[in-house]
Protein backbone atom coordinates (compact mmCIF):
# COMPACT_ATOMS: atom_id res chain seq x y z
CA MET A 1 -56.12 -54.32 25.64
CA ASN A 2 -52.34 -54.51 25.99
CA ASN A 3 -50.75 -56.25 22.99
CA ILE A 4 -47.13 -55.85 24.09
CA ASP A 5 -45.06 -59.03 23.85
CA PRO A 6 -44.45 -60.18 27.48
CA LEU A 7 -40.81 -60.91 26.57
CA LEU A 8 -40.34 -57.20 25.95
CA LYS A 9 -41.64 -56.14 29.37
CA LYS A 10 -39.01 -54.99 31.86
CA THR A 11 -38.85 -56.74 35.23
CA TYR A 12 -39.40 -54.80 38.45
CA GLY A 13 -35.66 -55.11 39.10
CA GLU A 14 -34.74 -53.66 35.70
CA ARG A 15 -37.14 -50.76 36.22
CA LEU A 16 -35.81 -50.11 39.73
CA VAL A 17 -32.15 -50.17 38.68
CA GLU A 18 -32.96 -47.75 35.85
CA TYR A 19 -34.76 -45.41 38.28
CA CYS A 20 -31.88 -45.51 40.77
CA GLU A 21 -29.24 -44.87 38.11
CA ASN A 22 -31.23 -41.94 36.70
CA ASN A 23 -31.70 -40.40 40.17
CA GLU A 24 -28.25 -41.00 41.73
CA ILE A 25 -29.55 -43.52 44.28
CA PHE A 26 -27.04 -45.98 45.73
CA ILE A 27 -27.89 -49.64 45.11
CA PRO A 28 -26.55 -52.00 47.83
CA SER A 29 -24.24 -54.77 46.59
CA GLY A 30 -26.61 -57.61 47.59
CA PHE A 31 -29.62 -56.19 45.79
CA GLN A 32 -29.25 -58.21 42.56
CA THR A 33 -29.04 -61.51 44.49
CA ARG A 34 -32.71 -61.36 45.53
CA LYS A 35 -35.93 -61.38 43.58
CA CYS A 36 -37.30 -57.86 43.18
CA HIS A 37 -40.93 -57.35 44.19
CA LYS A 38 -43.44 -54.59 43.44
CA PHE A 39 -42.66 -52.14 46.28
CA ALA A 40 -39.22 -50.62 46.78
CA ILE A 41 -38.08 -48.33 49.60
CA ILE A 42 -35.52 -45.54 49.27
CA ASN A 43 -33.91 -43.78 52.21
CA LEU A 44 -33.88 -40.09 51.29
CA SER A 45 -32.08 -39.16 54.54
CA SER A 46 -28.86 -40.99 53.70
CA ASN A 47 -26.14 -39.31 51.67
CA PRO A 48 -26.22 -40.47 48.94
CA LYS A 49 -29.85 -41.58 48.83
CA LYS A 50 -29.93 -45.36 49.27
CA LEU A 51 -32.15 -48.18 48.06
CA CYS A 52 -33.24 -50.62 50.75
CA ALA A 53 -32.04 -54.10 49.76
CA LEU A 54 -35.45 -55.60 50.58
CA THR A 55 -38.45 -55.21 48.31
CA THR A 56 -41.93 -56.58 48.96
CA TYR A 57 -45.26 -57.20 47.27
CA MET A 58 -47.40 -56.35 50.33
CA PRO A 59 -48.06 -52.74 51.43
CA ASN A 60 -48.11 -53.63 55.14
CA ASN A 61 -44.65 -55.21 54.78
CA VAL A 62 -43.32 -51.84 53.59
CA THR A 63 -44.49 -50.28 56.85
CA GLU A 64 -42.88 -53.09 58.89
CA ILE A 65 -39.55 -52.75 57.04
CA ILE A 66 -39.49 -48.99 57.59
CA GLN A 67 -40.32 -49.40 61.30
CA LYS A 68 -37.46 -51.91 61.75
CA LEU A 69 -35.01 -49.63 59.92
CA GLU A 70 -36.05 -46.65 62.05
CA LEU A 71 -35.50 -48.67 65.24
CA GLU A 72 -31.89 -49.11 64.10
CA LYS A 73 -31.23 -45.66 62.60
CA GLY A 74 -33.86 -43.33 64.04
CA LYS A 75 -36.46 -41.31 62.13
CA GLN A 76 -35.67 -41.05 58.41
CA ASP A 77 -37.31 -39.72 55.24
CA TRP A 78 -38.52 -42.51 52.95
CA LEU A 79 -39.71 -42.76 49.37
CA VAL A 80 -41.84 -45.77 48.42
CA LEU A 81 -41.99 -46.82 44.77
CA ASP A 82 -44.61 -49.04 43.15
CA MET A 83 -42.67 -50.65 40.31
CA LYS A 84 -45.79 -52.21 38.78
CA ARG A 85 -47.56 -48.87 38.31
CA CYS A 86 -44.27 -46.91 37.97
CA CYS A 87 -45.20 -44.32 40.58
CA THR A 88 -44.46 -43.16 44.10
CA VAL A 89 -47.03 -44.16 46.71
CA GLU A 90 -48.15 -43.39 50.23
CA ILE A 91 -49.12 -46.38 52.34
CA GLU A 92 -51.70 -46.57 55.11
CA GLY A 93 -52.21 -50.06 56.50
CA ASN A 94 -52.89 -52.28 53.50
CA LYS A 95 -53.90 -49.46 51.14
CA THR A 96 -51.71 -47.51 48.73
CA ARG A 97 -52.37 -44.09 47.28
CA LYS A 98 -50.56 -42.99 44.14
CA ILE A 99 -48.62 -39.75 44.59
CA LYS A 100 -46.92 -39.21 41.22
CA ASP A 101 -45.61 -41.09 38.21
CA ILE A 102 -41.91 -41.82 37.91
CA GLU A 103 -40.24 -41.52 34.56
CA ILE A 104 -38.95 -44.95 33.63
CA GLU A 105 -39.42 -47.04 30.53
CA LYS A 106 -41.72 -50.04 31.08
CA TYR A 107 -40.61 -51.92 27.99
CA LYS A 108 -37.33 -53.16 26.52
CA PRO A 109 -36.46 -52.04 23.01
CA SER A 110 -37.57 -54.48 20.33
CA PRO A 111 -34.85 -57.00 19.47
CA ILE A 112 -35.72 -56.60 15.77
């Protein structure tokens, strides 16, 4: 059982910003104005690598977002992060398969 104080848990947005900063991934200026959901998409083909401003909680929405972006920009390399499980994932339809863990802290330091 998890006895961590919920006030000490990091939000998906906090985890994602930490990951991007640690991995030199550009965060678009409008990102902080929206609620951050579980799945985040990173364009590995752009230079520098770039976070997609949209996040989603549904796996099939990730596929739709990527398809729309590729219609605009052509075929790209994408990385999909699951911020709840702190891992990279592969998506097929409505199913996700964990690829590997990402090294980010899930919890804020204790305020004490």
